[in-house]
């Protein structure tokens, strides 16, 4: 059961017309806690387009009159939550109410636990820790220093870089990503339709952003790069099939992704990784530097 809302506030599911206001809440919350704005409107739009996400049941907004003060969503079969409150509205019990709502919705979906990514040491981090959320893994945002480039890596014989074309290659890329990310403990598999909504079908995506390494006609490595409105080229996903690792394919894809972003106007280059991937040393080795640390805090849910 979620507690009563603070006096003067109302709650309702989010609707498509709330997209801009929802993004504004997430953006203001991220700026206050992380000090840097990374989220984009297209991220929210893509997330809402996933077939597995039911906006009417998996989202909630807290309002004062018509003004949206806080938002929350539950995804990935209840295992993951997103929540944010406008900085000026903090301290009114909105965050506690939203957290209780996400926990109740996650339990309703049958999840054994629910978690959220927050900047380490932030207000949100302390809030979740006080609520009994433990740290399940740590993530880092890495940036390529100005004037530096990831060294290009020549592919072994029989391998080639290509731009993905058509649904068959996109599905092959999805399989590579799911197999690689599926090695992470506790990760919920993602359907092709959900994956495509935030990559190949993400609003504004151009063909050059989804690149692959092929071997004997099969996709064995994938990189998806976002070029955001601030001019940052962000490698959002990078995966290599287990049987083809150790040959420099990841570095080749990384250099290719940043190079293509630079050719399309990027002046800043970033990616993120976490303790589940074991890839931090690779990114440090090619000259990237850690600029932010995030934690994934999760909490077990009571089962009936």
Protein backbone atom coordinates (compact mmCIF):
# COMPACT_ATOMS: atom_id res chain seq x y z
CA UNK A 1 0.00 0.00 0.00
CA UNK A 2 1.30 3.46 -0.87
CA UNK A 3 0.92 6.14 1.83
CA UNK A 4 -1.38 9.12 1.42
CA UNK A 5 -0.08 11.95 -0.70
CA UNK A 6 0.99 15.13 1.04
CA UNK A 7 -1.80 17.67 1.33
CA UNK A 8 -2.60 19.63 -1.80
CA UNK A 9 -1.07 17.14 -4.22
CA UNK A 10 -2.66 14.67 -6.62
CA UNK A 11 -1.34 11.70 -8.57
CA UNK A 12 -2.27 10.11 -11.87
CA UNK A 13 -0.64 7.96 -14.55
CA UNK A 14 1.44 9.86 -17.08
CA UNK A 15 0.08 10.35 -20.60
CA UNK A 16 1.82 11.08 -23.89
CA UNK A 17 1.06 14.79 -23.56
CA UNK A 18 3.19 14.78 -20.39
CA UNK A 19 6.36 13.94 -22.32
CA UNK A 20 7.90 17.41 -22.28
CA UNK A 21 7.03 18.06 -18.63
CA UNK A 22 8.30 14.61 -17.63
CA UNK A 23 11.60 15.24 -19.38
CA UNK A 24 11.85 18.59 -17.61
CA UNK A 25 11.47 16.89 -14.20
CA UNK A 26 14.09 14.24 -15.01
CA UNK A 27 16.47 16.87 -16.41
CA UNK A 28 16.18 19.20 -13.41
CA UNK A 29 16.61 16.30 -10.99
CA UNK A 30 19.70 15.03 -12.84
CA UNK A 31 21.31 18.46 -12.96
CA UNK A 32 20.76 18.89 -9.23
CA UNK A 33 22.15 15.48 -8.30
CA UNK A 34 24.80 14.79 -10.96
CA UNK A 35 25.74 18.33 -11.91
CA UNK A 36 25.68 17.37 -15.58
CA UNK A 37 22.72 16.87 -17.92
CA UNK A 38 22.90 13.65 -19.94
CA UNK A 39 19.26 12.65 -20.37
CA UNK A 40 17.48 13.81 -23.53
CA UNK A 41 13.84 14.07 -24.49
CA UNK A 42 14.45 11.31 -27.04
CA UNK A 43 15.51 8.96 -24.23
CA UNK A 44 12.15 9.32 -22.52
CA UNK A 45 10.27 9.08 -25.82
CA UNK A 46 12.14 5.91 -26.77
CA UNK A 47 11.56 4.33 -23.37
CA UNK A 48 7.85 5.03 -23.57
CA UNK A 49 7.71 3.46 -27.05
CA UNK A 50 8.82 0.03 -25.79
CA UNK A 51 5.96 -2.47 -26.23
CA UNK A 52 6.60 -3.92 -22.76
CA UNK A 53 5.98 -0.55 -21.12
CA UNK A 54 2.38 0.27 -20.23
CA UNK A 55 2.32 4.02 -19.68
CA UNK A 56 -1.10 3.87 -18.03
CA UNK A 57 -0.02 1.30 -15.43
CA UNK A 58 3.77 1.55 -15.16
CA UNK A 59 4.07 5.31 -14.67
CA UNK A 60 2.85 7.90 -12.20
CA UNK A 61 3.03 11.64 -11.83
CA UNK A 62 2.55 13.81 -8.77
CA UNK A 63 1.01 17.21 -9.45
CA UNK A 64 0.21 20.43 -7.67
CA UNK A 65 -2.66 21.80 -9.66
CA UNK A 66 -1.54 21.20 -13.25
CA UNK A 67 2.17 21.39 -12.51
CA UNK A 68 4.11 18.13 -12.58
CA UNK A 69 6.38 17.97 -9.53
CA UNK A 70 7.51 14.35 -9.54
CA UNK A 71 7.46 11.30 -11.80
CA UNK A 72 8.22 7.60 -11.56
CA UNK A 73 8.26 4.58 -13.85
CA UNK A 74 8.71 0.85 -13.36
CA UNK A 75 10.22 -1.26 -16.17
CA UNK A 76 11.93 -4.58 -16.94
CA UNK A 77 9.23 -6.75 -15.40
CA UNK A 78 9.29 -4.63 -12.28
CA UNK A 79 13.00 -4.93 -11.58
CA UNK A 80 13.99 -1.38 -12.47
CA UNK A 81 12.56 1.98 -11.46
CA UNK A 82 13.12 5.59 -12.41
CA UNK A 83 12.00 8.41 -10.17
CA UNK A 84 12.61 12.15 -9.97
CA UNK A 85 11.34 15.20 -8.14
CA UNK A 86 11.82 18.85 -9.09
CA UNK A 87 14.56 20.21 -6.80
CA UNK A 88 12.29 23.01 -5.59
CA UNK A 89 9.66 20.48 -4.51
CA UNK A 90 11.97 18.28 -2.46
CA UNK A 91 11.34 17.89 1.24
CA UNK A 92 7.57 17.58 0.86
CA UNK A 93 7.34 13.79 0.97
CA UNK A 94 6.94 13.38 -2.79
CA UNK A 95 10.02 11.19 -3.17
CA UNK A 96 8.90 8.87 -0.37
CA UNK A 97 5.48 8.54 -1.95
CA UNK A 98 6.94 7.81 -5.39
CA UNK A 99 9.34 5.23 -3.94
CA UNK A 100 6.46 3.47 -2.20
CA UNK A 101 4.50 3.49 -5.45
CA UNK A 102 7.37 1.98 -7.45
CA UNK A 103 7.86 -0.75 -4.85
CA UNK A 104 4.15 -1.58 -4.87
CA UNK A 105 4.00 -1.65 -8.68
CA UNK A 106 7.16 -3.77 -8.91
CA UNK A 107 5.71 -6.27 -6.44
CA UNK A 108 2.48 -6.32 -8.43
CA UNK A 109 4.49 -7.26 -11.51
CA UNK A 110 6.06 -10.15 -9.59
CA UNK A 111 9.55 -8.74 -9.14
CA UNK A 112 11.62 -10.00 -6.23
CA UNK A 113 13.49 -6.69 -5.99
CA UNK A 114 13.50 -3.23 -7.50
CA UNK A 115 16.46 -0.96 -8.16
CA UNK A 116 17.44 2.43 -9.50
CA UNK A 117 20.62 4.08 -10.82
CA UNK A 118 21.65 7.24 -8.95
CA UNK A 119 24.79 9.40 -8.73
CA UNK A 120 27.04 8.17 -5.92
CA UNK A 121 26.82 10.37 -2.83
CA UNK A 122 23.86 12.35 -4.18
CA UNK A 123 20.64 13.26 -2.41
CA UNK A 124 18.94 10.39 -4.24
CA UNK A 125 21.69 7.98 -3.17
CA UNK A 126 21.31 8.93 0.48
CA UNK A 127 17.53 8.78 0.23
CA UNK A 128 17.54 5.23 -1.14
CA UNK A 129 20.18 4.10 1.36
CA UNK A 130 18.03 5.40 4.22
CA UNK A 131 15.12 3.49 2.72
CA UNK A 132 17.02 0.21 2.93
CA UNK A 133 18.37 -0.01 -0.62
CA UNK A 134 21.79 -1.66 -0.88
CA UNK A 135 24.38 -1.19 -3.62
CA UNK A 136 24.32 -4.01 -6.16
CA UNK A 137 26.82 -2.59 -8.65
CA UNK A 138 28.81 0.55 -9.42
CA UNK A 139 28.89 2.34 -12.78
CA UNK A 140 31.24 4.93 -14.23
CA UNK A 141 30.86 7.57 -16.92
CA UNK A 142 34.11 7.94 -18.86
CA UNK A 143 35.14 10.75 -21.15
CA UNK A 144 37.82 11.08 -23.78
CA UNK A 145 40.02 14.10 -22.87
CA UNK A 146 40.09 16.99 -25.34
CA UNK A 147 42.47 16.44 -28.22
CA UNK A 148 42.71 12.69 -27.64
CA UNK A 149 41.38 9.91 -29.86
CA UNK A 150 40.85 6.21 -29.26
CA UNK A 151 43.63 4.46 -31.22
CA UNK A 152 42.23 2.69 -34.24
CA UNK A 153 42.58 -1.09 -34.19
CA UNK A 154 43.05 -3.05 -37.38
CA UNK A 155 40.58 -5.89 -37.64
CA UNK A 156 41.87 -9.45 -38.11
CA UNK A 157 41.54 -11.08 -41.50
CA UNK A 158 37.97 -12.10 -42.26
CA UNK A 159 36.39 -9.34 -40.15
CA UNK A 160 34.86 -6.11 -41.44
CA UNK A 161 33.07 -3.03 -40.12
CA UNK A 162 29.65 -2.29 -41.56
CA UNK A 163 26.56 -0.17 -41.09
CA UNK A 164 23.58 -2.32 -40.19
CA UNK A 165 20.90 -2.42 -42.83
CA UNK A 166 17.47 -3.98 -42.68
CA UNK A 167 15.55 -5.96 -40.06
CA UNK A 168 17.59 -9.17 -40.38
CA UNK A 169 20.86 -7.45 -39.47
CA UNK A 170 19.14 -5.49 -36.70
CA UNK A 171 17.85 -8.72 -35.20
CA UNK A 172 21.32 -10.23 -35.46
CA UNK A 173 22.71 -7.20 -33.62
CA UNK A 174 20.05 -7.61 -30.94
CA UNK A 175 21.08 -11.24 -30.43
CA UNK A 176 24.73 -10.24 -29.95
CA UNK A 177 23.77 -7.57 -27.40
CA UNK A 178 21.41 -9.87 -25.51
CA UNK A 179 23.91 -12.74 -25.38
CA UNK A 180 26.70 -10.45 -24.15
CA UNK A 181 24.62 -8.50 -21.65
CA UNK A 182 22.87 -11.69 -20.60
CA UNK A 183 26.14 -12.74 -18.95
CA UNK A 184 25.49 -10.09 -16.29
CA UNK A 185 23.98 -11.48 -13.13
CA UNK A 186 20.35 -10.52 -12.60
CA UNK A 187 19.83 -8.84 -15.97
CA UNK A 188 16.34 -9.17 -17.47
CA UNK A 189 16.38 -10.15 -21.18
CA UNK A 190 15.07 -7.51 -23.59
CA UNK A 191 12.90 -8.31 -26.59
CA UNK A 192 13.92 -7.11 -30.03
CA UNK A 193 11.02 -4.65 -30.09
CA UNK A 194 12.02 -3.10 -26.76
CA UNK A 195 15.69 -2.96 -27.76
CA UNK A 196 14.90 -1.39 -31.13
CA UNK A 197 12.76 1.34 -29.54
CA UNK A 198 15.82 2.73 -27.76
CA UNK A 199 18.40 2.06 -30.50
CA UNK A 200 17.48 1.58 -34.16
CA UNK A 201 14.03 3.18 -33.68
CA UNK A 202 15.11 5.82 -31.16
CA UNK A 203 13.80 9.20 -32.37
CA UNK A 204 16.36 10.86 -34.62
CA UNK A 205 18.59 7.82 -35.09
CA UNK A 206 20.59 7.81 -38.35
CA UNK A 207 22.06 4.70 -40.04
CA UNK A 208 25.67 5.58 -39.11
CA UNK A 209 24.85 5.30 -35.41
CA UNK A 210 24.35 1.52 -35.46
CA UNK A 211 27.55 -0.20 -36.54
CA UNK A 212 28.70 -3.80 -36.49
CA UNK A 213 31.63 -6.12 -37.05
CA UNK A 214 30.86 -9.02 -39.37
CA UNK A 215 32.68 -12.32 -39.74
CA UNK A 216 31.80 -14.69 -42.57
CA UNK A 217 28.51 -12.89 -43.07
CA UNK A 218 27.47 -12.97 -39.41
CA UNK A 219 27.24 -10.04 -36.99
CA UNK A 220 29.67 -10.68 -34.13
CA UNK A 221 30.07 -7.18 -32.64
CA UNK A 222 27.77 -4.17 -32.24
CA UNK A 223 28.07 -0.52 -31.22
CA UNK A 224 25.27 2.02 -30.97
CA UNK A 225 26.33 5.67 -30.67
CA UNK A 226 24.09 8.58 -29.73
CA UNK A 227 24.90 12.13 -30.85
CA UNK A 228 23.11 14.37 -28.38
CA UNK A 229 22.04 18.00 -28.60
CA UNK A 230 25.13 19.17 -26.68
CA UNK A 231 27.48 17.71 -29.28
CA UNK A 232 28.41 14.65 -27.24
CA UNK A 233 29.04 11.36 -29.01
CA UNK A 234 27.95 8.72 -26.50
CA UNK A 235 28.54 5.02 -27.12
CA UNK A 236 25.36 3.70 -25.57
CA UNK A 237 25.90 -0.01 -26.27
CA UNK A 238 29.02 -1.98 -27.16
CA UNK A 239 28.97 -5.78 -27.31
CA UNK A 240 31.10 -8.54 -28.85
CA UNK A 241 30.17 -12.19 -29.18
CA UNK A 242 32.07 -14.28 -26.63
CA UNK A 243 33.67 -16.50 -29.28
CA UNK A 244 35.21 -13.47 -31.01
CA UNK A 245 36.61 -11.56 -28.03
CA UNK A 246 40.29 -10.86 -27.44
CA UNK A 247 40.95 -9.75 -31.02
CA UNK A 248 40.47 -6.00 -30.66
CA UNK A 249 36.92 -5.86 -32.01
CA UNK A 250 35.63 -3.76 -29.10
CA UNK A 251 38.39 -1.17 -29.54
CA UNK A 252 37.78 -1.06 -33.29
CA UNK A 253 34.06 -0.46 -32.72
CA UNK A 254 34.75 2.19 -30.09
CA UNK A 255 37.16 4.10 -32.33
CA UNK A 256 34.71 3.79 -35.21
CA UNK A 257 31.77 5.02 -33.12
CA UNK A 258 33.62 8.07 -31.81
CA UNK A 259 35.09 8.75 -35.25
CA UNK A 260 31.67 8.73 -36.90
CA UNK A 261 30.28 10.96 -34.15
CA UNK A 262 33.18 13.39 -34.70
CA UNK A 263 32.46 13.42 -38.43
CA UNK A 264 28.86 14.39 -37.64
CA UNK A 265 29.80 17.28 -35.36
CA UNK A 266 30.56 15.77 -31.95
CA UNK A 267 33.18 17.54 -29.82
CA UNK A 268 32.81 15.47 -26.65
CA UNK A 269 33.01 11.68 -26.36
CA UNK A 270 31.65 9.51 -23.56
CA UNK A 271 30.39 6.09 -22.56
CA UNK A 272 29.51 4.28 -19.36
CA UNK A 273 30.35 0.87 -17.96
CA UNK A 274 29.90 -0.89 -14.65
CA UNK A 275 31.31 -3.59 -12.41
CA UNK A 276 29.30 -6.32 -14.17
CA UNK A 277 31.05 -5.86 -17.53
CA UNK A 278 34.73 -6.03 -16.59
CA UNK A 279 35.40 -3.47 -19.35
CA UNK A 280 36.67 -0.53 -17.28
CA UNK A 281 40.35 -1.38 -17.82
CA UNK A 282 39.86 -1.42 -21.60
CA UNK A 283 38.47 2.10 -21.62
CA UNK A 284 41.16 3.40 -19.29
CA UNK A 285 43.81 1.75 -21.44
CA UNK A 286 42.65 3.59 -24.58
CA UNK A 287 42.91 6.94 -22.78
CA UNK A 288 39.45 7.58 -21.36
CA UNK A 289 39.01 9.05 -17.88
CA UNK A 290 36.30 8.55 -15.26
CA UNK A 291 34.20 11.70 -14.79
CA UNK A 292 31.21 10.39 -12.82
CA UNK A 293 30.40 7.48 -10.52
CA UNK A 294 26.89 6.08 -10.20
CA UNK A 295 25.52 3.24 -8.10
CA UNK A 296 22.65 0.86 -8.67
CA UNK A 297 20.71 0.63 -5.43
CA UNK A 298 18.19 -2.18 -5.03
CA UNK A 299 15.85 -3.49 -2.37
CA UNK A 300 14.21 -6.87 -1.92
CA UNK A 301 10.43 -6.79 -2.02
CA UNK A 302 8.11 -8.57 0.37
CA UNK A 303 6.30 -11.50 -1.22
CA UNK A 304 2.77 -12.49 -0.30
